[in-house]
Protein backbone atom coordinates (compact mmCIF):
# COMPACT_ATOMS: atom_id res chain seq x y z
CA MET A 1 0.00 0.00 0.00
CA SER A 2 1.14 3.51 -0.65
CA PHE A 3 0.96 7.13 0.41
CA PHE A 4 -1.57 7.89 3.17
CA PRO A 5 -2.93 11.43 2.77
CA GLY A 6 -4.42 11.73 6.26
CA HIS A 7 -2.84 12.88 9.49
CA ASP A 8 -1.07 10.63 11.98
CA PRO A 9 -3.42 8.63 14.22
CA VAL A 10 -3.94 9.98 17.69
CA PRO A 11 -3.59 7.89 20.82
CA GLY A 12 -6.75 7.05 22.69
CA ASP A 13 -7.36 7.41 26.39
CA ILE A 14 -4.94 4.99 28.00
CA GLN A 15 -6.68 2.72 30.48
CA SER A 16 -5.23 2.27 33.93
CA ILE A 17 -3.62 -1.09 33.19
CA ASP A 18 0.07 -1.34 33.99
CA ALA A 19 0.66 -3.97 31.28
CA ILE A 20 -0.54 -1.65 28.48
CA GLU A 21 2.08 0.90 27.45
CA THR A 22 0.22 2.49 24.54
CA GLN A 23 -3.36 2.56 23.28
CA ILE A 24 -3.90 3.88 19.76
CA ILE A 25 -7.14 4.71 17.97
CA PRO A 26 -6.33 4.80 14.22
CA ARG A 27 -7.51 7.50 11.89
CA THR A 28 -8.98 6.68 8.51
CA SER A 29 -8.36 7.85 4.98
CA ASP A 30 -8.77 6.71 1.38
CA VAL A 31 -5.97 4.79 -0.32
CA GLY A 32 -6.51 3.62 -3.89
CA GLY A 33 -10.29 3.74 -3.46
CA LEU A 34 -10.35 1.82 -0.18
CA GLN A 35 -10.90 3.04 3.38
CA VAL A 36 -7.77 2.43 5.46
CA ARG A 37 -7.15 2.76 9.20
CA ARG A 38 -3.50 3.48 10.01
CA ALA A 39 -2.33 2.48 13.49
CA LEU A 40 1.46 2.77 13.01
CA PRO A 41 3.49 4.91 12.92
CA THR A 42 2.24 7.59 15.33
CA ALA A 43 3.91 10.39 17.26
CA LYS A 44 3.57 8.30 20.44
CA ARG A 45 4.68 4.96 19.03
CA ARG A 46 6.83 4.54 15.94
CA LEU A 47 7.47 0.78 16.01
CA VAL A 48 6.47 -2.45 17.71
CA GLY A 49 9.44 -4.75 17.21
CA PRO A 50 10.24 -4.46 13.48
CA PHE A 51 6.66 -3.36 12.64
CA ILE A 52 6.95 0.26 11.55
CA PHE A 53 3.68 0.46 9.62
CA PHE A 54 0.26 -1.09 10.31
CA ASP A 55 -2.72 -0.55 7.98
CA ARG A 56 -6.18 -2.05 8.35
CA MET A 57 -7.84 -2.17 4.91
CA GLY A 58 -11.66 -2.21 4.84
CA PRO A 59 -13.80 -4.15 5.41
CA ALA A 60 -15.60 -2.79 2.38
CA ILE A 61 -17.68 -3.80 -0.61
CA LEU A 62 -16.40 -2.57 -3.96
CA ARG A 63 -19.41 -2.12 -6.22
CA ALA A 64 -19.42 -3.35 -9.80
CA GLY A 65 -17.07 -1.09 -11.73
CA GLU A 66 -15.13 -0.09 -8.60
CA ALA A 67 -11.69 -1.49 -7.85
CA LEU A 68 -8.64 -1.19 -5.66
CA ASP A 69 -6.01 0.50 -7.81
CA VAL A 70 -2.67 1.34 -6.19
CA ALA A 71 -0.39 2.21 -9.11
CA PRO A 72 3.33 1.33 -9.17
CA HIS A 73 5.27 2.92 -6.32
CA PRO A 74 8.71 2.30 -4.78
CA HIS A 75 9.99 0.94 -1.46
CA ILE A 76 13.39 0.67 0.21
CA GLY A 77 14.66 -0.70 3.53
CA LEU A 78 11.63 -2.79 4.51
CA SER A 79 9.57 -5.93 3.97
CA THR A 80 5.85 -5.60 3.24
CA VAL A 81 3.50 -8.26 4.62
CA THR A 82 0.07 -8.43 2.98
CA TYR A 83 -2.62 -10.57 4.65
CA LEU A 84 -6.19 -10.68 3.38
CA LEU A 85 -9.28 -11.65 5.35
CA ASP A 86 -11.56 -11.29 2.34
CA GLY A 87 -11.19 -10.49 -1.36
CA HIS A 88 -8.31 -10.72 -3.83
CA ILE A 89 -5.43 -8.43 -4.84
CA ARG A 90 -3.09 -8.85 -7.80
CA HIS A 91 0.49 -7.95 -6.90
CA ARG A 92 2.99 -7.09 -9.63
CA ASP A 93 6.55 -5.95 -9.01
CA SER A 94 9.75 -4.92 -10.74
CA LEU A 95 11.20 -8.42 -10.27
CA GLY A 96 8.60 -9.63 -12.76
CA THR A 97 6.40 -11.21 -10.09
CA GLU A 98 2.67 -11.47 -10.73
CA GLN A 99 0.73 -13.00 -7.82
CA VAL A 100 -2.94 -12.93 -6.85
CA ILE A 101 -3.20 -13.15 -3.06
CA TYR A 102 -6.18 -14.98 -1.55
CA PRO A 103 -7.63 -14.77 1.97
CA GLY A 104 -5.44 -16.42 4.61
CA GLU A 105 -2.28 -16.26 2.50
CA VAL A 106 0.83 -14.15 3.13
CA ASN A 107 2.61 -12.06 0.50
CA LEU A 108 6.09 -11.14 1.77
CA MET A 109 7.98 -8.63 -0.36
CA THR A 110 11.42 -7.51 0.78
CA ALA A 111 12.43 -4.22 -0.82
CA GLY A 112 16.03 -4.09 0.37
CA ARG A 113 17.88 -1.61 -1.83
CA GLY A 114 14.74 -0.93 -3.88
CA ILE A 115 11.65 -2.41 -5.51
CA VAL A 116 8.55 -1.11 -7.29
CA HIS A 117 5.14 -2.77 -7.09
CA SER A 118 1.44 -2.26 -7.74
CA GLU A 119 -1.64 -3.65 -6.00
CA ARG A 120 -4.90 -3.87 -7.90
CA THR A 121 -8.18 -5.73 -8.00
CA PRO A 122 -7.69 -8.52 -10.57
CA GLU A 123 -9.03 -7.45 -13.96
CA GLU A 124 -11.12 -10.60 -14.36
CA MET A 125 -13.00 -9.87 -11.09
CA ARG A 126 -14.06 -6.27 -11.76
CA GLY A 127 -17.50 -6.87 -13.24
CA GLU A 128 -19.30 -7.68 -9.99
CA PRO A 129 -19.39 -6.44 -6.37
CA LEU A 130 -16.37 -7.58 -4.39
CA ALA A 131 -15.62 -7.71 -0.69
CA ILE A 132 -12.17 -6.54 0.45
CA SER A 133 -10.68 -6.74 3.92
CA GLY A 134 -7.16 -7.24 5.20
CA LEU A 135 -3.96 -5.84 6.59
CA GLN A 136 -0.71 -4.54 5.26
CA THR A 137 2.24 -4.15 7.56
CA TRP A 138 5.85 -3.14 7.00
CA LEU A 139 8.83 -4.68 8.77
CA ALA A 140 11.87 -2.43 9.05
CA LEU A 141 15.03 -4.28 8.05
CA PRO A 142 18.08 -4.48 10.32
CA GLU A 143 20.88 -2.17 9.14
CA ARG A 144 23.00 -5.00 7.73
CA TYR A 145 20.10 -6.06 5.47
CA GLU A 146 18.79 -2.67 4.35
CA SER A 147 20.55 -2.85 0.98
CA ILE A 148 20.06 -6.52 0.10
CA ALA A 149 18.63 -7.55 -3.26
CA PRO A 150 14.82 -7.36 -3.39
CA GLU A 151 12.81 -10.59 -3.18
CA PHE A 152 9.23 -11.86 -3.09
CA SER A 153 7.50 -14.91 -1.59
CA ASN A 154 3.91 -16.09 -1.35
CA TYR A 155 2.80 -18.53 1.38
CA THR A 156 -0.50 -20.38 0.93
CA VAL A 157 -3.01 -21.12 3.68
CA GLN A 158 -1.82 -24.73 3.77
CA GLU A 159 1.77 -23.61 4.48
CA LEU A 160 0.83 -21.54 7.55
CA PRO A 161 0.52 -23.39 10.89
CA PHE A 162 -2.97 -23.49 12.41
CA LEU A 163 -4.09 -24.39 15.93
CA ARG A 164 -7.64 -24.91 17.19
CA GLU A 165 -8.35 -25.11 20.91
CA LYS A 166 -11.57 -24.91 22.95
CA ASP A 167 -11.06 -21.20 23.75
CA PHE A 168 -9.38 -19.97 20.56
CA SER A 169 -8.08 -20.67 17.08
CA MET A 170 -4.81 -19.27 15.70
CA ARG A 171 -3.16 -18.97 12.30
CA LEU A 172 0.54 -18.25 12.75
CA MET A 173 2.04 -16.23 9.91
CA ILE A 174 5.48 -15.41 11.29
CA GLY A 175 7.49 -16.63 14.29
CA ALA A 176 6.75 -19.22 16.97
CA MET A 177 4.04 -19.43 19.65
CA HIS A 178 1.94 -22.06 21.47
CA GLY A 179 4.05 -24.90 20.09
CA LEU A 180 3.76 -23.79 16.44
CA LYS A 181 6.56 -22.46 14.22
CA SER A 182 6.07 -20.72 10.89
CA THR A 183 8.31 -21.32 7.87
CA VAL A 184 7.95 -17.67 6.74
CA GLN A 185 11.46 -16.23 6.77
CA THR A 186 12.17 -12.69 8.01
CA TYR A 187 15.41 -10.85 8.74
CA SER A 188 14.80 -10.24 12.45
CA GLU A 189 12.88 -11.95 15.25
CA THR A 190 9.22 -11.36 14.40
CA LEU A 191 5.83 -12.54 15.66
CA TYR A 192 2.62 -12.20 13.63
CA ALA A 193 -0.58 -14.19 14.23
CA ASP A 194 -4.31 -14.08 13.50
CA VAL A 195 -6.25 -15.23 16.59
CA PHE A 196 -9.97 -15.70 17.16
CA ILE A 197 -10.97 -15.91 20.85
CA GLU A 198 -14.37 -17.38 21.66
CA ALA A 199 -16.73 -15.32 23.83
CA GLY A 200 -15.72 -16.21 27.39
CA GLY A 201 -12.52 -17.85 26.11
CA ARG A 202 -8.99 -16.92 27.15
CA PHE A 203 -5.76 -16.59 25.18
CA HIS A 204 -2.36 -16.49 26.85
CA LEU A 205 0.19 -14.18 25.19
CA PRO A 206 3.58 -15.17 26.61
CA ALA A 207 6.38 -12.67 27.17
CA LEU A 208 8.71 -14.30 24.63
CA GLN A 209 9.24 -11.16 22.54
CA GLU A 210 10.49 -7.88 23.95
CA GLU A 211 7.87 -5.84 22.10
CA ARG A 212 4.29 -7.07 21.55
CA ALA A 213 0.96 -5.57 20.58
CA ILE A 214 -2.50 -6.55 19.42
CA TYR A 215 -4.88 -4.96 16.94
CA ILE A 216 -8.55 -5.76 17.58
CA LEU A 217 -10.18 -6.52 14.26
CA SER A 218 -13.68 -7.31 15.52
CA GLY A 219 -15.57 -7.91 18.74
CA ALA A 220 -14.15 -6.91 22.10
CA VAL A 221 -11.54 -8.22 24.55
CA ARG A 222 -11.00 -7.94 28.27
CA ILE A 223 -7.50 -7.45 29.68
CA ALA A 224 -6.97 -7.12 33.45
CA GLY A 225 -10.64 -6.31 33.93
CA GLU A 226 -10.88 -3.56 31.28
CA VAL A 227 -12.79 -4.04 28.01
CA PHE A 228 -11.44 -2.81 24.66
CA SER A 229 -13.48 -2.77 21.47
CA SER A 230 -12.57 -3.15 17.80
CA ASN A 231 -10.12 -1.03 15.80
CA GLN A 232 -7.72 -0.28 18.64
CA LEU A 233 -4.02 -1.07 18.92
CA LEU A 234 -2.74 -2.04 22.37
CA ALA A 235 1.04 -2.26 22.92
CA PHE A 236 2.17 -4.19 26.00
CA ARG A 237 4.94 -3.71 28.52
CA ALA A 238 7.96 -6.01 28.10
CA GLY A 239 8.17 -9.03 30.36
CA ASP A 240 4.48 -9.32 31.30
CA ASP A 241 2.43 -12.41 30.51
CA ILE A 242 -0.90 -11.20 29.10
CA VAL A 243 -4.26 -12.97 29.32
CA ILE A 244 -6.75 -11.81 26.68
CA GLU A 245 -10.42 -12.78 27.10
CA GLY A 246 -13.10 -12.74 24.42
CA VAL A 247 -16.14 -10.71 25.45
CA ALA A 248 -19.79 -11.46 24.72
CA GLN A 249 -21.26 -8.11 23.69
CA VAL A 250 -24.79 -6.82 24.27
CA PHE A 251 -26.70 -5.36 21.32
CA PRO A 252 -30.15 -3.76 21.04
CA HIS A 253 -32.77 -6.08 19.57
CA GLU A 254 -35.72 -4.29 17.94
CA GLY A 255 -38.89 -4.72 19.95
CA GLN A 256 -37.30 -7.00 22.54
CA GLY A 257 -34.89 -4.86 24.50
CA PHE A 258 -31.31 -6.08 24.58
CA SER A 259 -29.85 -9.48 23.71
CA GLN A 260 -26.42 -10.97 24.32
CA VAL A 261 -24.51 -12.18 21.28
CA SER A 262 -21.54 -14.46 21.94
CA GLN A 263 -19.47 -13.41 18.96
CA GLY A 264 -15.97 -13.51 20.43
CA ALA A 265 -13.11 -11.39 19.10
CA GLN A 266 -10.61 -11.53 16.26
CA ILE A 267 -7.22 -9.96 16.95
CA MET A 268 -3.86 -9.66 15.23
CA ILE A 269 -0.86 -10.28 17.49
CA PHE A 270 2.45 -8.79 16.36
CA GLY A 271 5.89 -7.78 17.61
CA GLY A 272 9.47 -8.98 17.93
CA GLU A 273 12.89 -7.66 18.77
CA PRO A 274 13.31 -3.87 18.64
CA MET A 275 15.47 -2.25 15.98
CA GLU A 276 19.09 -1.78 16.95
CA SER A 277 19.04 1.88 15.85
CA ARG A 278 16.59 4.62 14.90
CA ARG A 279 14.54 4.25 11.72
CA TYR A 280 13.40 7.13 9.54
CA ILE A 281 10.25 6.80 7.45
CA TRP A 282 9.19 9.08 4.61
CA TRP A 283 6.41 8.10 2.23
CA ASN A 284 7.26 4.51 1.20
CA PHE A 285 10.90 4.65 2.26
CA VAL A 286 12.38 3.30 5.50
CA SER A 287 16.04 3.62 6.42
CA SER A 288 18.49 4.11 9.26
CA SER A 289 19.97 6.92 7.13
CA LYS A 290 18.31 10.21 6.21
CA GLU A 291 20.78 10.48 3.32
CA ARG A 292 19.59 7.17 1.86
CA ILE A 293 15.99 8.39 1.94
CA GLU A 294 16.98 11.60 0.14
CA GLN A 295 18.78 9.48 -2.45
CA ALA A 296 15.67 7.30 -2.92
CA LYS A 297 13.55 10.42 -3.41
CA GLU A 298 15.81 11.60 -6.21
CA GLU A 299 15.93 8.13 -7.78
CA TRP A 300 12.13 7.98 -7.95
CA ARG A 301 11.80 11.59 -9.10
CA SER A 302 14.23 10.94 -11.97
CA ARG A 303 12.63 7.53 -12.77
CA ARG A 304 15.77 5.50 -12.02
CA PHE A 305 13.88 2.71 -10.23
CA ASP A 306 13.00 -0.37 -12.27
CA THR A 307 9.55 -0.56 -13.87
CA VAL A 308 6.81 -3.14 -13.26
CA PRO A 309 6.31 -5.53 -16.20
CA GLY A 310 2.64 -5.59 -17.17
CA ASP A 311 1.93 -2.36 -15.23
CA ALA A 312 4.41 0.19 -16.52
CA GLU A 313 2.12 2.91 -17.86
CA GLU A 314 1.11 4.47 -14.53
CA PHE A 315 3.01 5.43 -11.40
CA ILE A 316 2.45 7.37 -8.19
CA PRO A 317 4.52 10.56 -8.31
CA LEU A 318 6.77 11.60 -5.47
CA PRO A 319 4.76 13.66 -2.94
CA GLU A 320 5.81 17.29 -2.88
């Protein structure tokens, strides 16, 4: 995903829970025809482990004739992780990759010294209404890997470990947790998981990573007695074991007062080891060096990045 024209998100009212360091309520804007909530980076919290960027796309219905169209744009110094909950996106990049990502899969694109890609609704699916929902996150690369050659990998649903217990189910995209280990390869210690907690169920988040957070996709959770609803990011204090409970919410029922719906909660868990040095972020560029970002700006302005085969006619200009 590309340039976000809105302002930085603002932090919400932090609840009086010692284990929660930061609570963030994302702001929304339009990116390529799709509503996006951006939770990272903010003025209060720039990273959680290597995660320097966290976008919640949709959920939305694209009407017939509408489409997601993010034209070719560049990246340096990061890996993008695209994870869909609903819908389809065709990824093309300057390596010659063309990949349609399906719900539950992971697209991992490492920019390294530089890559260009586009993200669009597949052409063959544009004649009818389409649901779209998912997440795109960026992982900052350690300094020694910032200038590696770009690369791309797709991991199918069948390749990602899955665990179902009485209280929860979990798809593990990156890292290791609850006896599972993902084969997705990253350049620093990283944790990324999609967890559904049943209403009244409990999920234990161990203190294995120094930096950890959750994003509540739907429903509500209870942590240390306080309830948090959807579309919030909660970053936790290092070293604390966290118990997350799914909450049965109460909704008005027309003509019959209120009824309790045991819907549970879906959350994304993410984090890992912190970066060894400061990271700068400008537009789609991440680097430990301001000079490298300035160089990337000039390279894109003068069209010295590679083009995207099959999608070379359009591009997103450098923001001024």
